[in-house]
C-alpha atoms as a PDB file:
ATOM      1  CA  MET A   1      24.305  29.221 -20.980  1.00  0.00           C
ATOM      2  CA  ASN A   2      24.230  30.921 -17.628  1.00  0.00           C
ATOM      3  CA  HIS A   3      20.992  32.917 -17.657  1.00  0.00           C
ATOM      4  CA  ILE A   4      17.869  31.622 -19.365  1.00  0.00           C
ATOM      5  CA  PRO A   5      15.520  33.894 -21.329  1.00  0.00           C
ATOM      6  CA  GLN A   6      12.463  35.481 -19.710  1.00  0.00           C
ATOM      7  CA  ILE A   7       9.855  33.037 -18.363  1.00  0.00           C
ATOM      8  CA  LYS A   8       6.931  33.585 -20.652  1.00  0.00           C
ATOM      9  CA  LYS A   9       3.468  34.528 -19.407  1.00  0.00           C
ATOM     10  CA  ILE A  10       1.402  31.639 -18.152  1.00  0.00           C
ATOM     11  CA  VAL A  11      -1.311  30.565 -20.541  1.00  0.00           C
ATOM     12  CA  SER A  12      -4.400  28.557 -19.854  1.00  0.00           C
ATOM     13  CA  ALA A  13      -2.859  25.291 -21.070  1.00  0.00           C
ATOM     14  CA  VAL A  14      -0.260  25.427 -18.296  1.00  0.00           C
ATOM     15  CA  LEU A  15      -2.215  24.695 -15.133  1.00  0.00           C
ATOM     16  CA  LEU A  16      -1.375  21.426 -13.473  1.00  0.00           C
ATOM     17  CA  PHE A  17       2.396  21.543 -14.102  1.00  0.00           C
ATOM     18  CA  GLY A  18       2.789  25.319 -14.248  1.00  0.00           C
ATOM     19  CA  PRO A  19       4.804  25.746 -11.025  1.00  0.00           C
ATOM     20  CA  LEU A  20       7.151  22.902 -11.918  1.00  0.00           C
ATOM     21  CA  MET A  21       7.862  24.392 -15.315  1.00  0.00           C
ATOM     22  CA  ILE A  22       8.474  27.832 -13.857  1.00  0.00           C
ATOM     23  CA  LEU A  23      10.915  26.639 -11.230  1.00  0.00           C
ATOM     24  CA  SER A  24      12.758  24.254 -13.534  1.00  0.00           C
ATOM     25  CA  ALA A  25      13.231  26.999 -16.126  1.00  0.00           C
ATOM     26  CA  ALA A  26      14.128  29.658 -13.597  1.00  0.00           C
ATOM     27  CA  TYR A  27      16.776  27.699 -11.726  1.00  0.00           C
ATOM     28  CA  CYS A  28      18.259  25.216 -14.175  1.00  0.00           C
ATOM     29  CA  GLN A  29      21.514  27.197 -14.305  1.00  0.00           C
ATOM     30  CA  GLN A  30      21.815  29.298 -11.242  1.00  0.00           C
ATOM     31  CA  ASP A  31      25.236  30.946 -10.981  1.00  0.00           C
ATOM     32  CA  PRO A  32      25.137  34.636 -11.936  1.00  0.00           C
ATOM     33  CA  LEU A  33      26.871  35.625 -15.149  1.00  0.00           C
ATOM     34  CA  TYR A  34      29.735  38.137 -15.047  1.00  0.00           C
ATOM     35  CA  GLY A  35      31.747  39.920 -17.706  1.00  0.00           C
ATOM     36  CA  LEU A  36      34.174  41.526 -15.225  1.00  0.00           C
ATOM     37  CA  TYR A  37      35.235  38.352 -13.402  1.00  0.00           C
ATOM     38  CA  LEU A  38      38.883  38.972 -14.368  1.00  0.00           C
ATOM     39  CA  ASN A  39      38.768  42.263 -12.472  1.00  0.00           C
ATOM     40  CA  ASN A  40      37.403  40.486  -9.395  1.00  0.00           C
ATOM     41  CA  PRO A  41      37.951  36.685  -9.530  1.00  0.00           C
ATOM     42  CA  ILE A  42      36.552  36.159  -6.015  1.00  0.00           C
ATOM     43  CA  VAL A  43      33.069  36.047  -7.600  1.00  0.00           C
ATOM     44  CA  ILE A  44      33.939  32.627  -9.055  1.00  0.00           C
ATOM     45  CA  ASN A  45      36.774  31.410  -6.801  1.00  0.00           C
ATOM     46  CA  PRO A  46      37.069  31.919  -3.007  1.00  0.00           C
ATOM     47  CA  ALA A  47      40.807  31.169  -3.216  1.00  0.00           C
ATOM     48  CA  TYR A  48      41.258  34.730  -4.523  1.00  0.00           C
ATOM     49  CA  THR A  49      40.440  36.013  -1.018  1.00  0.00           C
ATOM     50  CA  GLY A  50      43.273  38.295   0.118  1.00  0.00           C
ATOM     51  CA  ILE A  51      45.617  36.995  -2.563  1.00  0.00           C
ATOM     52  CA  ASN A  52      47.068  40.435  -3.375  1.00  0.00           C
ATOM     53  CA  ASN A  53      48.136  41.153   0.221  1.00  0.00           C
ATOM     54  CA  ASN A  54      45.932  44.197   0.792  1.00  0.00           C
ATOM     55  CA  LEU A  55      42.334  45.203   1.452  1.00  0.00           C
ATOM     56  CA  THR A  56      40.005  45.056  -1.544  1.00  0.00           C
ATOM     57  CA  ALA A  57      36.400  46.262  -1.478  1.00  0.00           C
ATOM     58  CA  PHE A  58      34.077  46.230  -4.472  1.00  0.00           C
ATOM     59  CA  ALA A  59      30.551  46.840  -5.727  1.00  0.00           C
ATOM     60  CA  SER A  60      29.208  45.928  -9.161  1.00  0.00           C
ATOM     61  CA  TYR A  61      25.980  45.979 -11.134  1.00  0.00           C
ATOM     62  CA  ARG A  62      25.130  43.967 -14.253  1.00  0.00           C
ATOM     63  CA  ASN A  63      22.062  44.700 -16.386  1.00  0.00           C
ATOM     64  CA  GLN A  64      21.825  41.852 -18.876  1.00  0.00           C
ATOM     65  CA  TRP A  65      19.840  42.246 -22.097  1.00  0.00           C
ATOM     66  CA  ALA A  66      18.677  45.764 -21.216  1.00  0.00           C
ATOM     67  CA  GLY A  67      15.159  46.440 -22.485  1.00  0.00           C
ATOM     68  CA  PHE A  68      14.180  42.760 -22.488  1.00  0.00           C
ATOM     69  CA  ASP A  69      11.133  42.202 -20.273  1.00  0.00           C
ATOM     70  CA  GLY A  70      12.149  40.319 -17.111  1.00  0.00           C
ATOM     71  CA  ASN A  71      15.860  40.529 -17.983  1.00  0.00           C
ATOM     72  CA  PRO A  72      18.493  39.321 -15.484  1.00  0.00           C
ATOM     73  CA  THR A  73      20.084  41.908 -13.202  1.00  0.00           C
ATOM     74  CA  THR A  74      22.831  41.232 -10.655  1.00  0.00           C
ATOM     75  CA  LEU A  75      24.060  43.344  -7.741  1.00  0.00           C
ATOM     76  CA  ASN A  76      27.296  42.262  -6.084  1.00  0.00           C
ATOM     77  CA  ALA A  77      29.259  43.780  -3.209  1.00  0.00           C
ATOM     78  CA  GLY A  78      31.900  42.624  -0.750  1.00  0.00           C
ATOM     79  CA  ALA A  79      35.398  42.957   0.630  1.00  0.00           C
ATOM     80  CA  HIS A  80      38.396  40.758   1.408  1.00  0.00           C
ATOM     81  CA  MET A  81      41.884  41.214   2.842  1.00  0.00           C
ATOM     82  CA  SER A  82      45.061  39.367   3.758  1.00  0.00           C
ATOM     83  CA  LEU A  83      45.865  38.553   7.379  1.00  0.00           C
ATOM     84  CA  LEU A  84      48.755  37.159   9.462  1.00  0.00           C
ATOM     85  CA  GLN A  85      51.638  38.297   7.256  1.00  0.00           C
ATOM     86  CA  ASN A  86      49.783  37.244   4.110  1.00  0.00           C
ATOM     87  CA  LYS A  87      49.267  33.663   5.292  1.00  0.00           C
ATOM     88  CA  LEU A  88      45.476  33.926   5.486  1.00  0.00           C
ATOM     89  CA  GLY A  89      42.710  35.768   3.693  1.00  0.00           C
ATOM     90  CA  ALA A  90      39.171  36.547   4.872  1.00  0.00           C
ATOM     91  CA  GLY A  91      36.216  38.316   3.339  1.00  0.00           C
ATOM     92  CA  PHE A  92      32.511  38.352   2.550  1.00  0.00           C
ATOM     93  CA  MET A  93      30.241  38.753  -0.464  1.00  0.00           C
ATOM     94  CA  ILE A  94      26.577  39.658  -0.997  1.00  0.00           C
ATOM     95  CA  VAL A  95      24.858  38.889  -4.308  1.00  0.00           C
ATOM     96  CA  ASN A  96      21.317  39.775  -5.404  1.00  0.00           C
ATOM     97  CA  ASP A  97      20.387  38.081  -8.674  1.00  0.00           C
ATOM     98  CA  LYS A  98      16.985  38.692 -10.257  1.00  0.00           C
ATOM     99  CA  ILE A  99      15.360  37.082 -13.305  1.00  0.00           C
ATOM    100  CA  GLY A 100      11.724  37.937 -13.943  1.00  0.00           C
ATOM    101  CA  GLU A 101       9.730  37.047 -10.836  1.00  0.00           C
ATOM    102  CA  ASN A 102      12.657  35.108  -9.317  1.00  0.00           C
ATOM    103  CA  THR A 103      15.068  36.761  -6.884  1.00  0.00           C
ATOM    104  CA  ASN A 104      18.026  34.981  -5.294  1.00  0.00           C
ATOM    105  CA  THR A 105      19.926  36.660  -2.471  1.00  0.00           C
ATOM    106  CA  GLN A 106      23.246  35.126  -1.461  1.00  0.00           C
ATOM    107  CA  VAL A 107      25.410  35.953   1.579  1.00  0.00           C
ATOM    108  CA  THR A 108      28.754  34.178   1.997  1.00  0.00           C
ATOM    109  CA  GLY A 109      31.913  34.451   4.023  1.00  0.00           C
ATOM    110  CA  THR A 110      35.191  33.555   2.292  1.00  0.00           C
ATOM    111  CA  PHE A 111      38.461  32.229   3.694  1.00  0.00           C
ATOM    112  CA  ALA A 112      41.826  31.357   2.138  1.00  0.00           C
ATOM    113  CA  TYR A 113      45.009  29.718   3.371  1.00  0.00           C
ATOM    114  CA  LYS A 114      48.088  30.737   1.368  1.00  0.00           C
ATOM    115  CA  LEU A 115      51.410  28.990   0.837  1.00  0.00           C
ATOM    116  CA  ARG A 116      54.427  30.726  -0.688  1.00  0.00           C
ATOM    117  CA  ILE A 117      55.920  27.861  -2.700  1.00  0.00           C
ATOM    118  CA  SER A 118      58.804  29.893  -4.155  1.00  0.00           C
ATOM    119  CA  GLU A 119      59.856  33.467  -4.735  1.00  0.00           C
ATOM    120  CA  GLY A 120      56.985  35.233  -6.475  1.00  0.00           C
ATOM    121  CA  LYS A 121      54.667  32.187  -6.480  1.00  0.00           C
ATOM    122  CA  LEU A 122      51.690  31.794  -4.165  1.00  0.00           C
ATOM    123  CA  LEU A 123      49.324  28.833  -3.817  1.00  0.00           C
ATOM    124  CA  SER A 124      45.976  29.652  -2.228  1.00  0.00           C
ATOM    125  CA  PHE A 125      43.301  27.248  -0.941  1.00  0.00           C
ATOM    126  CA  GLY A 126      39.894  28.875  -0.507  1.00  0.00           C
ATOM    127  CA  MET A 127      36.502  28.055   0.946  1.00  0.00           C
ATOM    128  CA  GLN A 128      33.230  29.907   1.258  1.00  0.00           C
ATOM    129  CA  ALA A 129      30.104  29.241   3.291  1.00  0.00           C
ATOM    130  CA  GLY A 130      26.793  30.978   3.777  1.00  0.00           C
ATOM    131  CA  PHE A 131      23.231  30.804   2.541  1.00  0.00           C
ATOM    132  CA  ILE A 132      21.037  31.698  -0.401  1.00  0.00           C
ATOM    133  CA  ASN A 133      17.386  32.719  -0.304  1.00  0.00           C
ATOM    134  CA  TYR A 134      15.296  31.594  -3.264  1.00  0.00           C
ATOM    135  CA  LYS A 135      12.246  33.793  -3.720  1.00  0.00           C
ATOM    136  CA  VAL A 136       9.463  33.602  -6.318  1.00  0.00           C
ATOM    137  CA  ASP A 137       6.894  36.409  -6.505  1.00  0.00           C
ATOM    138  CA  PRO A 138       3.962  35.254  -8.709  1.00  0.00           C
ATOM    139  CA  SER A 139       2.360  38.715  -8.468  1.00  0.00           C
ATOM    140  CA  GLN A 140       4.799  39.779 -11.201  1.00  0.00           C
ATOM    141  CA  LEU A 141       3.259  37.231 -13.605  1.00  0.00           C
ATOM    142  CA  THR A 142       0.110  37.565 -15.671  1.00  0.00           C
ATOM    143  CA  LEU A 143      -1.965  34.660 -14.380  1.00  0.00           C
ATOM    144  CA  GLN A 144      -5.321  33.407 -15.591  1.00  0.00           C
ATOM    145  CA  ASP A 145      -6.340  32.844 -11.965  1.00  0.00           C
ATOM    146  CA  PRO A 146      -4.213  34.869  -9.495  1.00  0.00           C
ATOM    147  CA  ALA A 147      -5.990  33.172  -6.570  1.00  0.00           C
ATOM    148  CA  ASP A 148      -4.879  29.691  -7.657  1.00  0.00           C
ATOM    149  CA  PRO A 149      -3.075  28.267  -4.578  1.00  0.00           C
ATOM    150  CA  VAL A 150      -0.505  26.444  -6.713  1.00  0.00           C
ATOM    151  CA  PHE A 151       0.986  29.845  -7.560  1.00  0.00           C
ATOM    152  CA  ALA A 152       1.653  30.788  -3.951  1.00  0.00           C
ATOM    153  CA  PRO A 153       4.825  32.815  -3.235  1.00  0.00           C
ATOM    154  CA  VAL A 154       8.017  30.873  -2.510  1.00  0.00           C
ATOM    155  CA  SER A 155      10.802  31.906  -0.121  1.00  0.00           C
ATOM    156  CA  GLN A 156      13.238  29.225   1.031  1.00  0.00           C
ATOM    157  CA  LEU A 157      16.733  29.378   2.528  1.00  0.00           C
ATOM    158  CA  LYS A 158      19.467  26.956   1.444  1.00  0.00           C
ATOM    159  CA  PRO A 159      23.101  26.525   2.602  1.00  0.00           C
ATOM    160  CA  ILE A 160      26.119  27.311   0.437  1.00  0.00           C
ATOM    161  CA  ILE A 161      29.529  25.645   0.671  1.00  0.00           C
ATOM    162  CA  GLY A 162      32.172  26.216  -1.995  1.00  0.00           C
ATOM    163  CA  ALA A 163      35.882  25.650  -2.555  1.00  0.00           C
ATOM    164  CA  GLY A 164      38.689  26.629  -4.876  1.00  0.00           C
ATOM    165  CA  ILE A 165      42.428  26.586  -5.443  1.00  0.00           C
ATOM    166  CA  MET A 166      44.555  29.237  -7.135  1.00  0.00           C
ATOM    167  CA  LEU A 167      48.185  29.519  -8.201  1.00  0.00           C
ATOM    168  CA  LYS A 168      49.505  33.046  -8.722  1.00  0.00           C
ATOM    169  CA  SER A 169      52.843  34.427  -9.853  1.00  0.00           C
ATOM    170  CA  ASP A 170      53.994  37.735 -11.291  1.00  0.00           C
ATOM    171  CA  ARG A 171      53.148  36.454 -14.775  1.00  0.00           C
ATOM    172  CA  TYR A 172      50.215  34.056 -14.505  1.00  0.00           C
ATOM    173  CA  LEU A 173      47.080  33.164 -12.590  1.00  0.00           C
ATOM    174  CA  ILE A 174      45.483  29.697 -12.638  1.00  0.00           C
ATOM    175  CA  GLY A 175      42.380  28.766 -10.669  1.00  0.00           C
ATOM    176  CA  LEU A 176      40.001  25.817 -10.295  1.00  0.00           C
ATOM    177  CA  SER A 177      36.813  26.204  -8.283  1.00  0.00           C
ATOM    178  CA  ALA A 178      33.301  25.052  -7.470  1.00  0.00           C
ATOM    179  CA  PRO A 179      31.627  28.035  -5.744  1.00  0.00           C
ATOM    180  CA  ARG A 180      28.690  25.890  -4.641  1.00  0.00           C
ATOM    181  CA  LEU A 181      29.322  22.223  -3.948  1.00  0.00           C
ATOM    182  CA  VAL A 182      25.828  21.385  -2.700  1.00  0.00           C
ATOM    183  CA  ASN A 183      22.994  20.849  -5.173  1.00  0.00           C
ATOM    184  CA  SER A 184      19.759  22.544  -4.160  1.00  0.00           C
ATOM    185  CA  SER A 185      16.074  21.723  -4.416  1.00  0.00           C
ATOM    186  CA  LEU A 186      12.861  23.464  -3.395  1.00  0.00           C
ATOM    187  CA  ASP A 187       9.801  21.968  -1.726  1.00  0.00           C
ATOM    188  CA  LEU A 188       6.703  22.880  -3.709  1.00  0.00           C
ATOM    189  CA  GLY A 189       3.411  21.365  -2.666  1.00  0.00           C
ATOM    190  CA  GLY A 190       5.129  18.293  -1.268  1.00  0.00           C
ATOM    191  CA  GLN A 191       7.306  17.821  -4.352  1.00  0.00           C
ATOM    192  CA  LYS A 192      11.050  18.431  -4.555  1.00  0.00           C
ATOM    193  CA  ILE A 193      12.207  20.482  -7.541  1.00  0.00           C
ATOM    194  CA  ASN A 194      15.915  20.376  -8.402  1.00  0.00           C
ATOM    195  CA  ILE A 195      17.056  23.939  -8.958  1.00  0.00           C
ATOM    196  CA  TYR A 196      20.859  23.873  -8.918  1.00  0.00           C
ATOM    197  CA  GLN A 197      23.702  21.708 -10.218  1.00  0.00           C
ATOM    198  CA  GLN A 198      27.355  22.320  -9.345  1.00  0.00           C
ATOM    199  CA  HIS A 199      29.274  24.692 -11.602  1.00  0.00           C
ATOM    200  CA  TYR A 200      33.013  24.081 -12.076  1.00  0.00           C
ATOM    201  CA  TYR A 201      35.336  26.872 -13.238  1.00  0.00           C
ATOM    202  CA  LEU A 202      38.845  26.671 -14.677  1.00  0.00           C
ATOM    203  CA  LEU A 203      40.501  30.070 -15.157  1.00  0.00           C
ATOM    204  CA  GLY A 204      43.878  30.778 -16.717  1.00  0.00           C
ATOM    205  CA  SER A 205      45.524  34.127 -17.437  1.00  0.00           C
ATOM    206  CA  TYR A 206      49.035  35.149 -18.512  1.00  0.00           C
ATOM    207  CA  LEU A 207      50.954  38.429 -18.812  1.00  0.00           C
ATOM    208  CA  PHE A 208      53.167  39.202 -21.804  1.00  0.00           C
ATOM    209  CA  PHE A 209      55.346  42.256 -21.106  1.00  0.00           C
ATOM    210  CA  LEU A 210      55.613  43.872 -24.540  1.00  0.00           C
ATOM    211  CA  SER A 211      57.376  46.936 -23.187  1.00  0.00           C
ATOM    212  CA  GLU A 212      57.812  48.837 -19.947  1.00  0.00           C
ATOM    213  CA  ASN A 213      54.348  50.386 -20.302  1.00  0.00           C
ATOM    214  CA  VAL A 214      52.434  47.806 -22.351  1.00  0.00           C
ATOM    215  CA  ILE A 215      51.268  44.393 -21.116  1.00  0.00           C
ATOM    216  CA  LEU A 216      49.194  41.894 -23.090  1.00  0.00           C
ATOM    217  CA  LYS A 217      46.884  39.809 -20.895  1.00  0.00           C
ATOM    218  CA  PRO A 218      45.038  36.896 -22.587  1.00  0.00           C
ATOM    219  CA  SER A 219      42.716  34.758 -20.465  1.00  0.00           C
ATOM    220  CA  VAL A 220      40.479  31.715 -20.815  1.00  0.00           C
ATOM    221  CA  LEU A 221      37.595  30.659 -18.565  1.00  0.00           C
ATOM    222  CA  LEU A 222      35.995  27.215 -18.872  1.00  0.00           C
ATOM    223  CA  LYS A 223      32.752  26.449 -17.080  1.00  0.00           C
ATOM    224  CA  ALA A 224      31.271  22.972 -16.784  1.00  0.00           C
ATOM    225  CA  VAL A 225      27.753  22.107 -15.596  1.00  0.00           C
ATOM    226  CA  ALA A 226      26.208  18.642 -15.672  1.00  0.00           C
ATOM    227  CA  GLY A 227      23.734  18.354 -18.537  1.00  0.00           C
ATOM    228  CA  SER A 228      24.970  21.482 -20.352  1.00  0.00           C
ATOM    229  CA  PRO A 229      27.635  22.076 -23.014  1.00  0.00           C
ATOM    230  CA  LEU A 230      31.036  23.334 -21.863  1.00  0.00           C
ATOM    231  CA  SER A 231      31.097  27.148 -21.763  1.00  0.00           C
ATOM    232  CA  THR A 232      34.241  28.948 -22.950  1.00  0.00           C
ATOM    233  CA  ASP A 233      35.194  32.593 -22.460  1.00  0.00           C
ATOM    234  CA  ILE A 234      38.178  33.973 -24.380  1.00  0.00           C
ATOM    235  CA  ASN A 235      39.437  37.349 -23.201  1.00  0.00           C
ATOM    236  CA  VAL A 236      42.309  39.587 -24.371  1.00  0.00           C
ATOM    237  CA  ASN A 237      43.266  42.793 -22.550  1.00  0.00           C
ATOM    238  CA  VAL A 238      45.986  45.386 -23.108  1.00  0.00           C
ATOM    239  CA  ILE A 239      47.270  47.078 -19.931  1.00  0.00           C
ATOM    240  CA  LEU A 240      48.839  50.526 -20.358  1.00  0.00           C
ATOM    241  CA  LYS A 241      51.117  52.048 -17.719  1.00  0.00           C
ATOM    242  CA  ARG A 242      49.583  49.703 -15.109  1.00  0.00           C
ATOM    243  CA  ASN A 243      46.647  52.109 -14.697  1.00  0.00           C
ATOM    244  CA  TYR A 244      44.571  51.662 -17.847  1.00  0.00           C
ATOM    245  CA  SER A 245      43.337  48.635 -19.708  1.00  0.00           C
ATOM    246  CA  ILE A 246      41.090  47.884 -22.647  1.00  0.00           C
ATOM    247  CA  GLY A 247      40.092  44.536 -24.063  1.00  0.00           C
ATOM    248  CA  ALA A 248      37.603  42.320 -25.844  1.00  0.00           C
ATOM    249  CA  TYR A 249      36.074  38.922 -25.152  1.00  0.00           C
ATOM    250  CA  THR A 250      33.673  36.353 -26.519  1.00  0.00           C
ATOM    251  CA  ARG A 251      31.529  33.784 -24.764  1.00  0.00           C
ATOM    252  CA  ASN A 252      30.978  30.651 -26.851  1.00  0.00           C
ATOM    253  CA  LEU A 253      30.977  32.886 -29.955  1.00  0.00           C
ATOM    254  CA  ASN A 254      27.387  33.743 -28.960  1.00  0.00           C
ATOM    255  CA  ALA A 255      28.212  37.041 -27.275  1.00  0.00           C
ATOM    256  CA  TYR A 256      30.968  39.603 -27.748  1.00  0.00           C
ATOM    257  CA  GLY A 257      32.082  42.285 -25.350  1.00  0.00           C
ATOM    258  CA  LEU A 258      34.413  45.216 -24.758  1.00  0.00           C
ATOM    259  CA  ILE A 259      36.061  45.901 -21.397  1.00  0.00           C
ATOM    260  CA  ALA A 260      37.714  49.061 -20.115  1.00  0.00           C
ATOM    261  CA  GLN A 261      39.315  49.824 -16.751  1.00  0.00           C
ATOM    262  CA  PHE A 262      40.718  53.005 -15.301  1.00  0.00           C
ATOM    263  CA  SER A 263      42.658  53.428 -12.052  1.00  0.00           C
ATOM    264  CA  PHE A 264      42.654  56.750 -10.224  1.00  0.00           C
ATOM    265  CA  LEU A 265      43.867  58.261  -6.951  1.00  0.00           C
ATOM    266  CA  GLU A 266      46.234  55.248  -6.686  1.00  0.00           C
ATOM    267  CA  LYS A 267      43.622  53.157  -4.882  1.00  0.00           C
ATOM    268  CA  PHE A 268      40.419  53.220  -6.905  1.00  0.00           C
ATOM    269  CA  ARG A 269      39.456  51.360 -10.061  1.00  0.00           C
ATOM    270  CA  ILE A 270      36.360  51.665 -12.201  1.00  0.00           C
ATOM    271  CA  SER A 271      35.624  48.934 -14.731  1.00  0.00           C
ATOM    272  CA  TYR A 272      33.007  48.715 -17.469  1.00  0.00           C
ATOM    273  CA  ALA A 273      31.894  45.972 -19.844  1.00  0.00           C
ATOM    274  CA  LEU A 274      29.579  46.298 -22.831  1.00  0.00           C
ATOM    275  CA  GLU A 275      28.336  42.980 -24.176  1.00  0.00           C
ATOM    276  CA  VAL A 276      26.389  42.377 -27.383  1.00  0.00           C
ATOM    277  CA  PRO A 277      24.673  39.027 -27.986  1.00  0.00           C
ATOM    278  CA  THR A 278      24.219  37.463 -31.407  1.00  0.00           C
ATOM    279  CA  ASN A 279      21.112  36.048 -33.001  1.00  0.00           C
ATOM    280  CA  ASN A 280      22.075  32.715 -31.433  1.00  0.00           C
ATOM    281  CA  SER A 281      20.836  34.004 -28.055  1.00  0.00           C
ATOM    282  CA  VAL A 282      18.360  36.900 -27.767  1.00  0.00           C
ATOM    283  CA  GLY A 283      19.248  38.917 -30.856  1.00  0.00           C
ATOM    284  CA  THR A 284      21.600  41.839 -31.246  1.00  0.00           C
ATOM    285  CA  ARG A 285      19.456  44.675 -29.919  1.00  0.00           C
ATOM    286  CA  PHE A 286      19.491  43.678 -26.224  1.00  0.00           C
ATOM    287  CA  VAL A 287      22.925  44.760 -25.013  1.00  0.00           C
ATOM    288  CA  THR A 288      24.383  44.103 -21.559  1.00  0.00           C
ATOM    289  CA  ASN A 289      26.021  46.737 -19.354  1.00  0.00           C
ATOM    290  CA  GLU A 290      28.197  45.913 -16.354  1.00  0.00           C
ATOM    291  CA  VAL A 291      30.070  48.356 -14.122  1.00  0.00           C
ATOM    292  CA  MET A 292      32.266  47.849 -11.059  1.00  0.00           C
ATOM    293  CA  LEU A 293      33.914  50.221  -8.599  1.00  0.00           C
ATOM    294  CA  SER A 294      36.661  48.856  -6.376  1.00  0.00           C
ATOM    295  CA  ILE A 295      39.367  50.010  -4.008  1.00  0.00           C
ATOM    296  CA  ARG A 296      42.665  48.339  -3.166  1.00  0.00           C
ATOM    297  CA  THR A 297      44.608  49.765  -0.275  1.00  0.00           C
ATOM    298  CA  ALA A 298      47.075  48.848   2.472  1.00  0.00           C
ATOM    299  CA  VAL A 299      45.569  48.926   5.963  1.00  0.00           C
ATOM    300  CA  LEU A 300      47.996  46.677   7.849  1.00  0.00           C
ATOM    301  CA  ARG A 301      51.750  47.123   8.192  1.00  0.00           C
ATOM    302  CA  PHE A 302      52.636  44.108   6.065  1.00  0.00           C
ATOM    303  CA  HIS A 303      50.199  45.006   3.249  1.00  0.00           C
ATOM    304  CA  GLU A 304      51.674  45.927  -0.136  1.00  0.00           C
ATOM    305  CA  GLN A 305      51.097  49.324  -1.743  1.00  0.00           C
ATOM    306  CA  SER A 306      51.844  48.207  -5.306  1.00  0.00           C
ATOM    307  CA  VAL A 307      49.068  47.580  -7.837  1.00  0.00           C
ATOM    308  CA  SER A 308      48.725  43.991  -9.072  1.00  0.00           C
ATOM    309  CA  ASN A 309      47.831  43.169 -12.680  1.00  0.00           C
ATOM    310  CA  PHE A 310      45.702  40.313 -11.347  1.00  0.00           C
END
């Protein structure tokens, strides 16, 4: 589980421990949830930085459980490119993740060192560093006593350090990462509240060339967090003529989604995911929409013009 349901309105029985309950619920699993991570793996692994030997810029928006009061929404934008004859990669990413009265804004720089281990195979070591601002705005809650000092606004800055490794060939992509290696806590009235545990991601994807114009691309993403069950995404895409793709995925058999991607003007890609939860989460009527626009282009002499399937 990556996003928790809406934090319910505070009732009179929750007074002394109200702030602790709010923060523990709001931050127990902090990494944003994505359905389009295969279209932009840098969101979960900094080793993807510049891996395709070009400039990539992207912007995405995810509206999870649309119509659900206080539902999670995530804005994500950034860019990365290869440098020094494809030996290095550098980039940045900005993420704004909001759940109810809680808003987290993350700014990170990413870096990758790449080794060509054989013809067509690249091993990339990535790191990212930056900061995240945790903000709680109690004015968005219905409080019995809005003047109660224990419900004062919270805005605290914490460092981010993450790492990952990725192996890429013309047929497969394998990555292992921990985007944030440092656990975080907030100071609230002299008490420390743990708000983040490390998330570990293992991603694997393979290309089956069924014909000259049809490629089958199955993928699996495993996510591990201390104190939570292992999360498993299973994803199958069909790529047509290298410019179009359509697929389906499931997350822990609790949510099911459809993905479509379309490339145009040789450089641009627009991707869309529609996700429907089951009654095991928030019911079937709160669907999730996610859209991403990206560009891949050559800006340096050694950059490649070809479109990668990863």
